[in-house]
Amino acid sequence: MIREYRDADLDQLLDVWFQASEVAHPFLTEEFMAAERENIRNVHIPKANTWVYEDAGRVVGFIALIGNEVGAIFVSPEVQGRGFGQALMDLARDRHDTLELDVFEANPIGRAFYEKYGFIQIGQSIHQESGQPTLRLHYGA
């Protein structure tokens, strides 16, 4: 079931983010991951509209939107491939005619998910905090 994020979800949300990031982003340093965990807690979640996917009473995925920008979408590795990510992206698509996001070039899991969903690349840059190349993707009209 998808529902709006509540403050009580934060620890489970951070666990989902960390577990999924370990699989999708093995190229990121421990220092970056520690700093990003604090940024998610203190900066990103407070300014985003966030929804969680709850299954059997626990958060197994989430999507955070800032306008039509997908700031984050993560699903626990043990439940990936069961449609939770697609359901979360469908929610974003139903709220916005177009969506945009950045994905690390070295993240084949995320890139495949976005390509399958219909996103197209419209640019590329270097992620300032990590030094990693990113791709800018767009979905919709």
Protein backbone atom coordinates (compact mmCIF):
# COMPACT_ATOMS: atom_id res chain seq x y z
CA MET A 1 0.00 0.00 0.00
CA ILE A 2 1.29 3.45 -0.90
CA ARG A 3 0.69 6.20 1.62
CA GLU A 4 2.08 9.59 2.55
CA TYR A 5 5.30 9.62 4.52
CA ARG A 6 5.08 10.17 8.28
CA ASP A 7 7.93 11.26 10.57
CA ALA A 8 7.78 7.85 12.27
CA ASP A 9 8.85 6.28 8.92
CA LEU A 10 12.25 7.97 8.87
CA ASP A 11 14.40 5.15 10.27
CA GLN A 12 12.83 2.54 7.98
CA LEU A 13 13.11 4.91 5.00
CA LEU A 14 16.81 5.44 5.73
CA ASP A 15 17.32 1.67 5.99
CA VAL A 16 15.68 1.18 2.58
CA TRP A 17 17.82 3.95 1.09
CA PHE A 18 21.04 2.52 2.54
CA GLN A 19 20.37 -1.10 1.54
CA ALA A 20 19.34 -0.15 -2.00
CA SER A 21 22.27 2.26 -2.33
CA GLU A 22 24.76 -0.43 -1.35
CA VAL A 23 23.52 -2.50 -4.30
CA ALA A 24 23.04 0.30 -6.87
CA HIS A 25 25.89 2.62 -5.82
CA PRO A 26 28.89 0.52 -4.73
CA PHE A 27 31.15 3.22 -6.21
CA LEU A 28 30.17 5.80 -3.55
CA THR A 29 32.51 6.23 -0.58
CA GLU A 30 31.58 5.53 3.02
CA GLU A 31 32.15 9.21 3.79
CA PHE A 32 29.74 10.28 1.06
CA MET A 33 27.12 7.77 2.22
CA ALA A 34 27.35 8.96 5.84
CA ALA A 35 26.99 12.59 4.78
CA GLU A 36 24.12 11.77 2.44
CA ARG A 37 22.26 9.91 5.20
CA GLU A 38 22.29 13.12 7.26
CA ASN A 39 21.28 15.18 4.22
CA ILE A 40 18.31 12.92 3.59
CA ARG A 41 17.25 13.20 7.23
CA ASN A 42 17.77 16.94 7.64
CA VAL A 43 17.51 18.51 4.18
CA HIS A 44 15.87 16.38 1.50
CA ILE A 45 12.92 14.74 3.29
CA PRO A 46 11.77 17.96 4.99
CA LYS A 47 11.50 19.79 1.65
CA ALA A 48 10.10 16.93 -0.47
CA ASN A 49 6.67 15.41 -0.89
CA THR A 50 7.37 11.81 0.02
CA TRP A 51 5.32 8.64 -0.23
CA VAL A 52 6.22 5.22 1.10
CA TYR A 53 5.30 1.75 -0.03
CA GLU A 54 4.32 -0.23 3.05
CA ASP A 55 4.17 -4.02 2.86
CA ALA A 56 3.33 -6.26 5.81
CA GLY A 57 3.59 -3.29 8.17
CA ARG A 58 7.00 -2.06 7.11
CA VAL A 59 8.36 0.49 4.65
CA VAL A 60 9.91 -1.31 1.67
CA GLY A 61 10.19 1.61 -0.74
CA PHE A 62 9.73 5.34 -1.13
CA ILE A 63 9.65 8.17 -3.63
CA ALA A 64 10.47 11.80 -2.84
CA LEU A 65 9.31 14.55 -5.21
CA ILE A 66 10.13 18.22 -5.32
CA GLY A 67 7.67 19.47 -7.88
CA ASN A 68 8.16 17.24 -10.93
CA GLU A 69 11.72 16.35 -9.86
CA VAL A 70 12.16 12.78 -8.65
CA GLY A 71 14.67 13.48 -5.90
CA ALA A 72 14.77 9.84 -4.83
CA ILE A 73 13.13 6.51 -5.49
CA PHE A 74 14.41 3.44 -3.65
CA VAL A 75 13.08 -0.05 -3.04
CA SER A 76 14.52 -2.62 -0.63
CA PRO A 77 16.71 -5.07 -2.57
CA GLU A 78 14.83 -8.09 -1.20
CA VAL A 79 11.56 -6.92 -2.80
CA GLN A 80 12.87 -5.41 -6.03
CA GLY A 81 11.21 -6.76 -9.14
CA ARG A 82 7.78 -7.07 -7.51
CA GLY A 83 6.33 -3.85 -8.96
CA PHE A 84 6.79 -1.58 -5.94
CA GLY A 85 9.10 0.82 -7.80
CA GLN A 86 6.74 0.99 -10.77
CA ALA A 87 3.79 1.69 -8.46
CA LEU A 88 5.72 4.53 -6.80
CA MET A 89 6.71 5.99 -10.19
CA ASP A 90 3.10 5.65 -11.38
CA LEU A 91 2.06 7.81 -8.42
CA ALA A 92 4.54 10.50 -9.50
CA ARG A 93 3.40 10.25 -13.13
CA ASP A 94 -0.23 10.60 -12.08
CA ARG A 95 0.61 13.87 -10.29
CA HIS A 96 2.82 15.43 -12.98
CA ASP A 97 2.67 15.57 -16.78
CA THR A 98 6.46 15.44 -16.94
CA LEU A 99 9.12 14.08 -14.60
CA GLU A 100 12.85 14.69 -14.44
CA LEU A 101 15.67 13.17 -12.45
CA ASP A 102 19.39 12.53 -12.31
CA VAL A 103 20.86 9.03 -12.16
CA PHE A 104 24.47 8.03 -11.68
CA GLU A 105 25.92 6.80 -14.98
CA ALA A 106 27.51 3.88 -13.09
CA ASN A 107 24.10 2.70 -11.75
CA PRO A 108 22.91 0.06 -14.23
CA ILE A 109 19.98 -0.96 -12.00
CA GLY A 110 18.49 2.54 -11.91
CA ARG A 111 19.25 3.25 -15.55
CA ALA A 112 17.49 0.05 -16.67
CA PHE A 113 14.46 0.83 -14.49
CA TYR A 114 14.13 4.38 -15.87
CA GLU A 115 14.66 3.27 -19.48
CA LYS A 116 12.00 0.56 -19.14
CA TYR A 117 9.64 3.15 -17.65
CA GLY A 118 10.15 5.44 -20.66
CA PHE A 119 12.59 8.09 -19.47
CA ILE A 120 14.97 9.53 -22.07
CA GLN A 121 18.36 11.12 -21.53
CA ILE A 122 18.44 14.88 -22.06
CA GLY A 123 21.83 15.75 -20.58
CA GLN A 124 24.75 14.76 -18.43
CA SER A 125 26.93 16.35 -15.77
CA ILE A 126 29.19 15.60 -12.84
CA HIS A 127 27.60 15.17 -9.42
CA GLN A 128 29.42 17.82 -7.42
CA GLU A 129 29.48 16.08 -4.04
CA SER A 130 30.66 12.66 -5.29
CA GLY A 131 32.53 13.56 -8.48
CA GLN A 132 30.55 10.86 -10.33
CA PRO A 133 29.06 11.34 -13.81
CA THR A 134 25.26 11.63 -13.86
CA LEU A 135 22.67 11.48 -16.59
CA ARG A 136 19.69 13.85 -16.72
CA LEU A 137 16.50 12.01 -17.67
CA HIS A 138 13.05 13.21 -18.72
CA TYR A 139 9.66 11.52 -18.91
CA GLY A 140 6.52 12.83 -20.58
CA ALA A 141 5.57 15.42 -23.18
